[in-house]
Amino acid sequence: MPKKVKRTGDEDEEEESVPRKQMREELPEALSVLNFDSPSSFFESLISPIKVETFFKEFWEQKPLLIQRDDPSLAKYYQSLFSLSDLKRLCKKGLYYGRDVNVCRSVGGKKKVLNKAGRAHFLQLRKDFDQKRATIQFHQPQRYKDELWRIQEKLECYFGSLVGSNVYMTPAGSQGLPPHYDDVEVFILQLEGTKHWRLYSPTVPLAHEYSVESEDRIGTPTHDFLLKPGDLLYFPRGTIHQAEAPSGLAYSIHLTISTYQNNSWGDCLLDSISGLVFDIAKEDVTLRSGMPRRMLLNVETPADVTRKLSGFLRTLADQLEGREELLSSDMKKDFVKHRLPPFFQGNGTETVDPGKKLPRLDNIIRLQFKDHIVLTVGPDKNPSDEAQQKMVYVYHSLKNVRQMHMIGEEEESEIFGLRFPLSHVDALKQIWCGLPIRVKDLKLDTDEEKENLALSLWTESLIQVL
């Protein structure tokens, strides 16, 4: 829970400490101009009129894309996503500097942070905004704005990767951040006012980290344009960029949606190779043989050791090809653990109801919320003997806490799911294909195992009984 912060007497009227309850701020269905029927249809509508095939062939991870639109309904919809009045309302619920908001300005090519300590009050934020010409950066607004939850949940399903966002509120004639590049794929939605953007060629293509770049290194812009409400801008990670609100207008508000952080082939190799080595070492005695004496004391790696390691890597590559078993994956677990829960309409307190009909042998069942569930394998966390056995794990995000999404929680968050013996993997794959299947047709040895598997998944609301 947030700490209580005493008022000094000159802040706006706000409550001392308010529980962080889920807030509802529904948009009328008619106002949405995006297609939420499926993750694919949503992304298609988001980048319209650009075709999805064109986007991934010509732009994704390659070069920026600017989509300028003259659509009043889309501009109105974008404006509804976040505003200064939303910030004022949320300040009354308890926002804190650093975690929820940053106040900053680009001065001489450097980022100057103007954060206070503790709780953020709207009058102080507005004072810094108006008098110091500072940008207010609001972190992860999908925690509070339902339509952004709805948007980002669809994108997490579409990309299979975490999707975060920030809102930038910048006064006229000011710039919040110096030229820099990010380690994420970026989609910019202009909500209010206009923003002058300049993009530059990457010094580190598809960068794996954030970095500020000095003006003397970035050269001349490859793109120079104004973004207006309803426009969308995409650029790959590593693209150097800076943006300022032009003089003469009240202010600019834009939304940055980002994804694909630590989601490269290199990350995949780092994630999967340890489990692969563990598996193959049980079958290959050469991988279990000891290293040369005193090898760890060497300053340089001897040539014969390098050749030996190269040979082991070739063996791993040969073993990996044609392998049908599930690979253990911490990336899967991390994704489903930290992602948004499914979007639910209503009063904000809903949980998924599995239904009253329990699955029996003669019942037909079907997987639901497939995009919110992952299968992976791993060692038994509670082995009954010294030999560590593998289990198959079913993790899901149905019970994830929306208010904790992408804020770097202080305490380790809980992951929800089930574990089964490795012998259940074929039956789980049958269910995971998404087609209806009769419980008695599951590939398990006994009827009891079939019913227990179906019942376990049903209790977590992962299957429907048809």
Protein backbone atom coordinates (compact mmCIF):
# COMPACT_ATOMS: atom_id res chain seq x y z
CA MET A 1 0.00 0.00 0.00
CA PRO A 2 1.19 3.56 -0.64
CA LYS A 3 2.53 5.42 2.35
CA LYS A 4 0.48 8.17 3.89
CA VAL A 5 1.84 11.60 3.02
CA LYS A 6 0.99 14.69 5.05
CA ARG A 7 -0.32 17.71 3.21
CA THR A 8 1.57 20.93 3.50
CA GLY A 9 -1.59 22.98 3.18
CA ASP A 10 -1.03 24.45 -0.29
CA GLU A 11 -1.86 21.43 -2.42
CA ASP A 12 -5.18 20.74 -4.09
CA GLU A 13 -7.86 18.96 -2.14
CA GLU A 14 -6.97 15.28 -2.15
CA GLU A 15 -7.60 12.36 0.13
CA GLU A 16 -4.79 11.40 2.50
CA SER A 17 -4.69 7.72 1.60
CA VAL A 18 -6.99 5.92 -0.79
CA PRO A 19 -6.93 2.17 -1.43
CA ARG A 20 -5.81 1.45 -5.00
CA LYS A 21 -9.12 0.01 -6.16
CA GLN A 22 -9.73 -0.79 -9.79
CA MET A 23 -11.35 2.18 -11.49
CA ARG A 24 -13.84 2.06 -14.34
CA GLU A 25 -14.00 4.72 -16.99
CA GLU A 26 -16.03 3.16 -19.75
CA LEU A 27 -16.20 4.57 -23.25
CA PRO A 28 -19.42 4.23 -25.20
CA GLU A 29 -19.06 1.37 -27.66
CA ALA A 30 -19.99 3.66 -30.54
CA LEU A 31 -17.00 5.90 -29.81
CA SER A 32 -14.42 3.21 -30.49
CA VAL A 33 -13.32 3.25 -34.11
CA LEU A 34 -10.96 0.29 -33.75
CA ASN A 35 -11.94 -3.33 -34.36
CA PHE A 36 -11.67 -5.35 -31.14
CA ASP A 37 -13.12 -8.58 -32.54
CA SER A 38 -9.73 -10.32 -32.35
CA PRO A 39 -6.07 -9.40 -31.78
CA SER A 40 -5.44 -9.60 -35.54
CA SER A 41 -8.40 -7.43 -36.48
CA PHE A 42 -7.43 -4.92 -33.83
CA PHE A 43 -3.87 -4.50 -35.11
CA GLU A 44 -5.14 -4.27 -38.66
CA SER A 45 -7.46 -1.42 -37.66
CA LEU A 46 -4.72 0.28 -35.61
CA ILE A 47 -2.34 0.66 -38.58
CA SER A 48 -5.03 1.17 -41.25
CA PRO A 49 -4.83 1.95 -44.14
CA ILE A 50 -1.43 0.17 -44.18
CA LYS A 51 -1.84 -3.55 -44.75
CA VAL A 52 -0.46 -5.88 -42.08
CA GLU A 53 1.58 -7.83 -44.64
CA THR A 54 3.14 -4.61 -45.90
CA PHE A 55 3.90 -3.45 -42.37
CA PHE A 56 5.85 -6.55 -41.41
CA LYS A 57 7.57 -6.89 -44.77
CA GLU A 58 8.70 -3.29 -45.16
CA PHE A 59 8.69 -1.55 -41.76
CA TRP A 60 8.80 -3.85 -38.70
CA GLU A 61 12.35 -3.74 -37.23
CA GLN A 62 13.49 -1.95 -40.40
CA LYS A 63 12.36 1.66 -40.69
CA PRO A 64 9.83 4.19 -39.34
CA LEU A 65 6.26 4.42 -40.57
CA LEU A 66 4.22 7.64 -40.39
CA ILE A 67 0.45 7.34 -40.84
CA GLN A 68 -1.19 10.76 -41.07
CA ARG A 69 -4.96 10.76 -41.08
CA ASP A 70 -7.67 13.35 -41.47
CA ASP A 71 -10.38 11.51 -39.56
CA PRO A 72 -12.36 13.53 -36.96
CA SER A 73 -13.87 10.40 -35.37
CA LEU A 74 -10.44 8.85 -34.90
CA ALA A 75 -9.03 12.10 -33.52
CA LYS A 76 -11.92 12.27 -31.03
CA TYR A 77 -11.32 8.66 -30.01
CA TYR A 78 -7.59 9.27 -29.47
CA GLN A 79 -8.41 12.33 -27.37
CA SER A 80 -10.62 10.21 -25.11
CA LEU A 81 -7.74 7.89 -24.22
CA PHE A 82 -6.05 10.29 -21.80
CA SER A 83 -6.27 13.98 -20.87
CA LEU A 84 -5.12 16.43 -18.22
CA SER A 85 -8.49 15.99 -16.50
CA ASP A 86 -7.71 12.26 -16.20
CA LEU A 87 -4.42 13.13 -14.51
CA LYS A 88 -6.20 15.44 -12.07
CA ARG A 89 -8.74 12.76 -11.21
CA LEU A 90 -6.06 10.11 -10.71
CA CYS A 91 -3.96 12.36 -8.48
CA LYS A 92 -6.83 12.27 -6.01
CA LYS A 93 -6.53 8.49 -5.87
CA GLY A 94 -2.86 8.51 -4.91
CA LEU A 95 0.00 8.85 -7.44
CA TYR A 96 3.68 8.97 -6.55
CA TYR A 97 6.72 10.53 -8.16
CA GLY A 98 8.99 8.03 -9.83
CA ARG A 99 6.55 5.15 -9.79
CA ASP A 100 3.56 6.84 -11.43
CA VAL A 101 4.77 10.19 -12.79
CA ASN A 102 8.00 11.87 -13.82
CA VAL A 103 8.40 15.60 -14.36
CA CYS A 104 11.26 16.41 -16.72
CA ARG A 105 12.62 18.76 -19.35
CA SER A 106 15.39 18.56 -21.93
CA VAL A 107 18.00 21.22 -21.18
CA GLY A 108 21.19 21.45 -23.23
CA GLY A 109 20.80 17.95 -24.59
CA LYS A 110 20.36 16.43 -21.13
CA LYS A 111 17.31 15.24 -19.23
CA LYS A 112 16.56 17.37 -16.17
CA VAL A 113 14.27 15.61 -13.69
CA LEU A 114 12.11 17.90 -11.55
CA ASN A 115 10.42 15.27 -9.39
CA LYS A 116 9.48 16.04 -5.82
CA ALA A 117 9.45 13.42 -3.07
CA GLY A 118 6.48 11.26 -2.21
CA ARG A 119 2.96 11.79 -3.43
CA ALA A 120 2.20 13.83 -6.55
CA HIS A 121 -0.43 16.57 -6.32
CA PHE A 122 -2.07 17.96 -9.40
CA LEU A 123 -1.59 21.64 -8.51
CA GLN A 124 2.16 21.13 -8.19
CA LEU A 125 2.29 19.15 -11.43
CA ARG A 126 0.35 21.86 -13.23
CA LYS A 127 2.61 24.53 -11.74
CA ASP A 128 5.72 22.78 -13.08
CA PHE A 129 3.92 22.26 -16.38
CA ASP A 130 2.94 25.93 -16.79
CA GLN A 131 5.83 27.77 -15.15
CA LYS A 132 8.82 25.48 -15.69
CA ARG A 133 7.61 24.26 -19.11
CA ALA A 134 8.16 20.70 -17.89
CA THR A 135 6.81 17.53 -19.47
CA ILE A 136 4.65 15.29 -17.29
CA GLN A 137 5.27 11.63 -18.04
CA PHE A 138 2.53 9.34 -16.72
CA HIS A 139 3.59 5.70 -16.43
CA GLN A 140 1.43 2.79 -17.53
CA PRO A 141 -1.99 4.50 -17.78
CA GLN A 142 -3.59 1.15 -18.75
CA ARG A 143 -3.65 0.46 -15.01
CA TYR A 144 -6.47 3.00 -14.70
CA LYS A 145 -7.93 3.73 -18.15
CA ASP A 146 -10.13 0.88 -19.34
CA GLU A 147 -9.82 1.59 -23.03
CA LEU A 148 -6.02 1.45 -22.78
CA TRP A 149 -6.31 -1.84 -20.88
CA ARG A 150 -8.51 -3.08 -23.70
CA ILE A 151 -6.03 -1.89 -26.36
CA GLN A 152 -2.90 -3.25 -24.72
CA GLU A 153 -4.43 -6.57 -23.78
CA LYS A 154 -5.24 -7.12 -27.46
CA LEU A 155 -1.69 -6.14 -28.44
CA GLU A 156 -0.15 -8.51 -25.87
CA CYS A 157 -2.21 -11.30 -27.39
CA TYR A 158 -1.17 -10.24 -30.90
CA PHE A 159 2.57 -9.92 -30.27
CA GLY A 160 2.94 -12.52 -27.53
CA SER A 161 5.06 -9.99 -25.67
CA LEU A 162 4.55 -7.48 -22.87
CA VAL A 163 3.09 -4.15 -24.02
CA GLY A 164 3.67 -1.05 -21.90
CA SER A 165 2.70 2.58 -22.37
CA ASN A 166 3.42 6.11 -21.20
CA VAL A 167 1.56 9.39 -21.68
CA TYR A 168 3.62 12.52 -22.34
CA MET A 169 2.02 15.90 -21.62
CA THR A 170 4.25 18.71 -22.92
CA PRO A 171 3.60 22.47 -22.80
CA ALA A 172 3.97 24.57 -25.94
CA GLY A 173 7.52 25.47 -26.94
CA SER A 174 9.10 22.78 -24.78
CA GLN A 175 10.80 19.39 -25.07
CA GLY A 176 10.71 16.73 -22.38
CA LEU A 177 13.51 14.34 -23.40
CA PRO A 178 16.83 14.80 -25.24
CA PRO A 179 17.65 12.79 -28.38
CA HIS A 180 17.75 9.12 -27.44
CA TYR A 181 16.92 5.60 -28.56
CA ASP A 182 14.96 2.84 -26.86
CA ASP A 183 15.16 -0.94 -26.60
CA VAL A 184 11.51 -1.41 -27.61
CA GLU A 185 9.35 -1.24 -30.73
CA VAL A 186 7.41 2.01 -30.44
CA PHE A 187 3.95 3.10 -31.59
CA ILE A 188 3.07 6.78 -31.01
CA LEU A 189 -0.56 7.94 -30.92
CA GLN A 190 -1.05 11.71 -30.93
CA LEU A 191 -3.96 12.48 -28.59
CA GLU A 192 -4.12 16.28 -28.31
CA GLY A 193 -2.32 19.22 -29.91
CA THR A 194 0.62 18.65 -32.24
CA LYS A 195 4.18 17.38 -31.74
CA HIS A 196 7.22 18.11 -33.89
CA TRP A 197 9.18 14.88 -34.37
CA ARG A 198 12.67 14.34 -35.73
CA LEU A 199 14.02 10.85 -36.35
CA TYR A 200 17.62 9.86 -37.08
CA SER A 201 19.43 6.79 -38.37
CA PRO A 202 20.33 4.32 -35.59
CA THR A 203 23.87 4.19 -34.26
CA VAL A 204 22.90 0.79 -32.77
CA PRO A 205 20.32 -1.01 -34.97
CA LEU A 206 17.73 -2.97 -32.96
CA ALA A 207 19.31 -1.74 -29.74
CA HIS A 208 19.11 -3.90 -26.64
CA GLU A 209 19.28 -0.98 -24.21
CA TYR A 210 18.19 2.65 -23.77
CA SER A 211 20.71 5.41 -24.42
CA VAL A 212 20.84 9.19 -24.81
CA GLU A 213 22.72 10.37 -27.92
CA SER A 214 24.56 13.69 -28.21
CA GLU A 215 23.60 16.13 -30.96
CA ASP A 216 27.03 15.86 -32.62
CA ARG A 217 26.60 12.09 -33.14
CA ILE A 218 23.13 11.89 -34.62
CA GLY A 219 23.60 13.84 -37.86
CA THR A 220 20.67 15.21 -39.83
CA PRO A 221 17.10 13.89 -39.44
CA THR A 222 15.86 11.18 -41.75
CA HIS A 223 12.29 12.23 -40.91
CA ASP A 224 11.00 15.68 -39.83
CA PHE A 225 7.23 16.17 -39.41
CA LEU A 226 4.32 17.28 -37.23
CA LEU A 227 2.07 14.70 -35.62
CA LYS A 228 -1.56 15.72 -35.10
CA PRO A 229 -4.51 14.04 -33.32
CA GLY A 230 -5.44 10.76 -35.00
CA ASP A 231 -1.95 10.25 -36.48
CA LEU A 232 0.17 7.20 -35.71
CA LEU A 233 3.95 6.83 -35.82
CA TYR A 234 5.93 3.60 -35.60
CA PHE A 235 9.69 3.21 -35.33
CA PRO A 236 11.97 0.24 -34.51
CA ARG A 237 14.08 -0.05 -31.39
CA GLY A 238 17.34 1.79 -31.80
CA THR A 239 15.76 4.65 -33.80
CA ILE A 240 17.13 7.93 -32.45
CA HIS A 241 14.34 10.44 -31.89
CA GLN A 242 13.37 13.69 -30.23
CA ALA A 243 10.09 15.60 -30.12
CA GLU A 244 8.95 19.04 -29.00
CA ALA A 245 5.60 20.77 -28.69
CA PRO A 246 5.53 23.72 -31.13
CA SER A 247 5.09 27.24 -29.80
CA GLY A 248 1.74 28.94 -30.10
CA LEU A 249 -0.44 25.99 -29.02
CA ALA A 250 -1.70 25.14 -25.55
CA TYR A 251 0.09 21.80 -25.13
CA SER A 252 0.66 18.38 -26.68
CA ILE A 253 -0.38 14.98 -25.35
CA HIS A 254 0.81 11.76 -26.95
CA LEU A 255 0.70 8.11 -25.98
CA THR A 256 3.70 5.82 -26.45
CA ILE A 257 2.89 2.12 -26.74
CA SER A 258 5.95 -0.14 -26.63
CA THR A 259 6.66 -3.85 -27.02
CA TYR A 260 9.32 -6.47 -27.82
CA GLN A 261 11.72 -5.62 -25.03
CA ASN A 262 14.15 -8.52 -24.53
CA ASN A 263 12.29 -10.55 -27.12
CA SER A 264 15.05 -11.30 -29.64
CA TRP A 265 16.54 -14.54 -30.92
CA GLY A 266 19.48 -13.89 -28.63
CA ASP A 267 17.15 -13.72 -25.64
CA CYS A 268 15.49 -16.93 -26.80
CA LEU A 269 18.84 -18.75 -26.99
CA LEU A 270 19.83 -17.55 -23.53
CA ASP A 271 16.48 -18.69 -22.21
CA SER A 272 16.30 -22.15 -23.77
CA ILE A 273 19.88 -23.38 -23.94
CA SER A 274 20.27 -24.16 -20.22
CA GLY A 275 17.24 -26.46 -20.26
CA LEU A 276 18.46 -28.09 -23.47
CA VAL A 277 21.90 -28.75 -21.98
CA PHE A 278 20.28 -30.22 -18.86
CA ASP A 279 18.19 -32.60 -20.96
CA ILE A 280 20.96 -33.74 -23.31
CA ALA A 281 23.54 -34.13 -20.54
CA LYS A 282 21.37 -36.89 -19.08
CA GLU A 283 21.88 -38.84 -22.32
CA ASP A 284 25.40 -37.76 -23.37
CA VAL A 285 28.21 -38.80 -21.03
CA THR A 286 30.70 -36.44 -22.70
CA LEU A 287 28.70 -33.45 -21.42
CA ARG A 288 28.93 -34.90 -17.92
CA SER A 289 32.71 -35.38 -18.03
CA GLY A 290 34.82 -32.94 -16.07
CA MET A 291 36.57 -29.84 -17.36
CA PRO A 292 40.40 -29.78 -17.46
CA ARG A 293 42.08 -29.13 -14.14
CA ARG A 294 42.63 -25.48 -13.29
CA MET A 295 40.65 -24.32 -16.34
CA LEU A 296 38.87 -21.65 -14.34
CA LEU A 297 42.22 -20.16 -13.31
CA ASN A 298 43.31 -19.51 -16.90
CA VAL A 299 43.46 -15.86 -17.97
CA GLU A 300 42.69 -16.80 -21.58
CA THR A 301 40.68 -19.72 -22.96
CA PRO A 302 43.05 -22.27 -24.53
CA ALA A 303 42.42 -23.18 -28.18
CA ASP A 304 41.70 -26.83 -27.37
CA VAL A 305 38.99 -25.77 -24.87
CA THR A 306 37.39 -23.49 -27.46
CA ARG A 307 37.33 -26.37 -29.95
CA LYS A 308 35.75 -28.63 -27.33
CA LEU A 309 33.03 -26.08 -26.53
CA SER A 310 32.37 -25.53 -30.24
CA GLY A 311 31.89 -29.27 -30.65
CA PHE A 312 29.41 -29.35 -27.78
CA LEU A 313 27.45 -26.51 -29.38
CA ARG A 314 27.27 -28.42 -32.67
CA THR A 315 26.03 -31.45 -30.77
CA LEU A 316 23.33 -29.33 -29.13
CA ALA A 317 22.28 -27.95 -32.51
CA ASP A 318 22.02 -31.44 -33.97
CA GLN A 319 19.99 -32.64 -31.00
CA LEU A 320 17.67 -29.64 -31.17
CA GLU A 321 16.63 -30.19 -34.78
CA GLY A 322 13.66 -32.51 -35.01
CA ARG A 323 13.09 -32.36 -31.27
CA GLU A 324 9.35 -32.48 -30.48
CA GLU A 325 9.49 -32.20 -26.71
CA LEU A 326 8.50 -28.92 -25.06
CA LEU A 327 11.51 -26.78 -24.21
CA SER A 328 11.58 -25.23 -20.77
CA SER A 329 11.18 -21.48 -21.05
CA ASP A 330 11.50 -18.81 -18.38
CA MET A 331 10.52 -16.26 -21.06
CA LYS A 332 7.07 -17.83 -21.31
CA LYS A 333 6.69 -17.84 -17.56
CA ASP A 334 7.85 -14.23 -17.21
CA PHE A 335 5.50 -13.04 -19.95
CA VAL A 336 2.35 -14.64 -18.58
CA LYS A 337 3.28 -13.65 -15.02
CA HIS A 338 3.54 -9.93 -15.77
CA ARG A 339 1.05 -9.37 -18.57
CA LEU A 340 -2.43 -7.87 -18.39
CA PRO A 341 -5.42 -10.04 -17.46
CA PRO A 342 -8.18 -10.45 -20.05
CA PHE A 343 -10.29 -7.36 -20.57
CA PHE A 344 -13.61 -7.64 -18.74
CA GLN A 345 -16.48 -5.22 -19.11
CA GLY A 346 -18.57 -4.45 -16.06
CA ASN A 347 -17.87 -2.89 -12.69
CA GLY A 348 -14.23 -3.96 -12.51
CA THR A 349 -14.54 -6.72 -9.90
CA GLU A 350 -15.29 -9.60 -12.27
CA THR A 351 -13.53 -12.93 -12.23
CA VAL A 352 -13.92 -15.60 -14.85
CA ASP A 353 -16.65 -18.05 -13.87
CA PRO A 354 -15.93 -21.63 -14.97
CA GLY A 355 -19.65 -22.39 -15.05
CA LYS A 356 -21.77 -24.76 -13.01
CA LYS A 357 -21.34 -27.85 -15.18
CA LEU A 358 -18.40 -29.99 -14.10
CA PRO A 359 -16.51 -31.87 -16.84
CA ARG A 360 -17.20 -35.63 -16.89
CA LEU A 361 -15.97 -38.39 -19.18
CA ASP A 362 -18.78 -38.00 -21.71
CA ASN A 363 -18.62 -34.19 -21.79
CA ILE A 364 -17.07 -32.22 -24.64
CA ILE A 365 -14.64 -29.53 -23.52
CA ARG A 366 -12.87 -26.68 -25.29
CA LEU A 367 -9.99 -24.43 -24.33
CA GLN A 368 -10.78 -20.76 -23.64
CA PHE A 369 -8.47 -17.74 -23.19
CA LYS A 370 -5.83 -19.54 -25.25
CA ASP A 371 -3.87 -16.32 -25.77
CA HIS A 372 -3.55 -15.93 -22.00
CA ILE A 373 -2.13 -19.40 -21.30
CA VAL A 374 1.29 -20.97 -21.86
CA LEU A 375 2.58 -24.51 -21.60
CA THR A 376 6.15 -25.19 -20.57
CA VAL A 377 8.19 -27.86 -18.84
CA GLY A 378 10.51 -27.65 -15.88
CA PRO A 379 11.86 -29.48 -12.87
CA ASP A 380 9.45 -30.57 -10.17
CA LYS A 381 9.55 -27.88 -7.50
CA ASN A 382 8.55 -30.40 -4.83
CA PRO A 383 10.28 -33.66 -5.79
CA SER A 384 9.42 -36.68 -3.66
CA ASP A 385 12.84 -38.19 -4.19
CA GLU A 386 16.37 -36.98 -4.87
CA ALA A 387 16.04 -37.48 -8.64
CA GLN A 388 14.58 -34.27 -10.00
CA GLN A 389 11.73 -35.16 -12.33
CA LYS A 390 10.33 -32.94 -15.04
CA MET A 391 6.77 -31.66 -14.91
CA VAL A 392 4.59 -29.84 -17.42
CA TYR A 393 3.33 -26.47 -16.22
CA VAL A 394 0.22 -24.58 -17.32
CA TYR A 395 0.50 -20.89 -16.48
CA HIS A 396 -2.19 -18.26 -17.10
CA SER A 397 -2.87 -14.56 -16.57
CA LEU A 398 -6.59 -14.71 -15.73
CA LYS A 399 -5.97 -13.64 -12.12
CA ASN A 400 -3.21 -11.10 -12.76
CA VAL A 401 -3.62 -7.73 -11.07
CA ARG A 402 -4.12 -5.01 -13.65
CA GLN A 403 -2.86 -2.24 -11.33
CA MET A 404 0.54 -3.93 -11.07
CA HIS A 405 1.12 -4.12 -14.82
CA MET A 406 4.61 -2.98 -15.92
CA ILE A 407 5.43 -0.90 -12.83
CA GLY A 408 8.26 -3.02 -11.42
CA GLU A 409 6.56 -4.17 -8.28
CA GLU A 410 8.65 -4.21 -5.13
CA GLU A 411 7.59 -7.70 -4.10
CA GLU A 412 7.72 -10.77 -6.30
CA SER A 413 4.30 -11.18 -7.88
CA GLU A 414 2.45 -14.47 -7.84
CA ILE A 415 2.17 -16.66 -10.91
CA PHE A 416 -1.04 -18.61 -11.39
CA GLY A 417 -1.26 -22.05 -12.89
CA LEU A 418 -1.16 -25.81 -12.57
CA ARG A 419 1.42 -28.59 -12.85
CA PHE A 420 1.02 -32.10 -14.17
CA PRO A 421 3.24 -35.15 -14.71
CA LEU A 422 5.11 -35.12 -18.00
CA SER A 423 2.92 -38.03 -19.09
CA HIS A 424 0.04 -35.54 -19.43
CA VAL A 425 1.71 -33.48 -22.14
CA ASP A 426 0.04 -35.23 -25.10
CA ALA A 427 -3.42 -34.81 -23.56
CA LEU A 428 -2.71 -31.15 -22.93
CA LYS A 429 -1.60 -30.69 -26.53
CA GLN A 430 -4.92 -32.20 -27.64
CA ILE A 431 -6.77 -29.55 -25.64
CA TRP A 432 -4.41 -26.78 -26.75
CA CYS A 433 -5.23 -27.25 -30.42
CA GLY A 434 -8.43 -25.35 -29.56
CA LEU A 435 -10.92 -27.79 -31.05
CA PRO A 436 -13.69 -29.36 -28.94
CA ILE A 437 -12.74 -32.76 -27.58
CA ARG A 438 -14.51 -35.37 -25.46
CA VAL A 439 -12.87 -35.93 -22.09
CA LYS A 440 -12.71 -39.70 -22.58
CA ASP A 441 -10.73 -39.18 -25.81
CA LEU A 442 -7.81 -37.56 -24.02
CA LYS A 443 -4.51 -39.45 -24.36
CA LEU A 444 -4.18 -40.68 -20.80
CA ASP A 445 -4.06 -44.21 -19.40
CA THR A 446 -7.06 -44.12 -17.05
CA ASP A 447 -10.49 -42.49 -16.95
CA GLU A 448 -9.63 -41.06 -13.55
CA GLU A 449 -6.62 -39.22 -14.98
CA LYS A 450 -8.74 -37.84 -17.83
CA GLU A 451 -11.44 -36.51 -15.52
CA ASN A 452 -8.91 -35.07 -13.05
CA LEU A 453 -7.06 -33.23 -15.82
CA ALA A 454 -10.30 -31.73 -17.16
CA LEU A 455 -11.48 -30.80 -13.68
CA SER A 456 -8.18 -29.10 -12.82
CA LEU A 457 -8.33 -26.96 -15.96
CA TRP A 458 -12.02 -26.22 -15.35
CA THR A 459 -11.40 -24.95 -11.82
CA GLU A 460 -8.97 -22.39 -13.27
CA SER A 461 -11.57 -21.39 -15.92
CA LEU A 462 -9.25 -22.54 -18.70
CA ILE A 463 -11.83 -24.78 -20.40
CA GLN A 464 -15.52 -24.61 -21.21
CA VAL A 465 -17.86 -27.55 -20.86
CA LEU A 466 -20.00 -27.57 -24.01
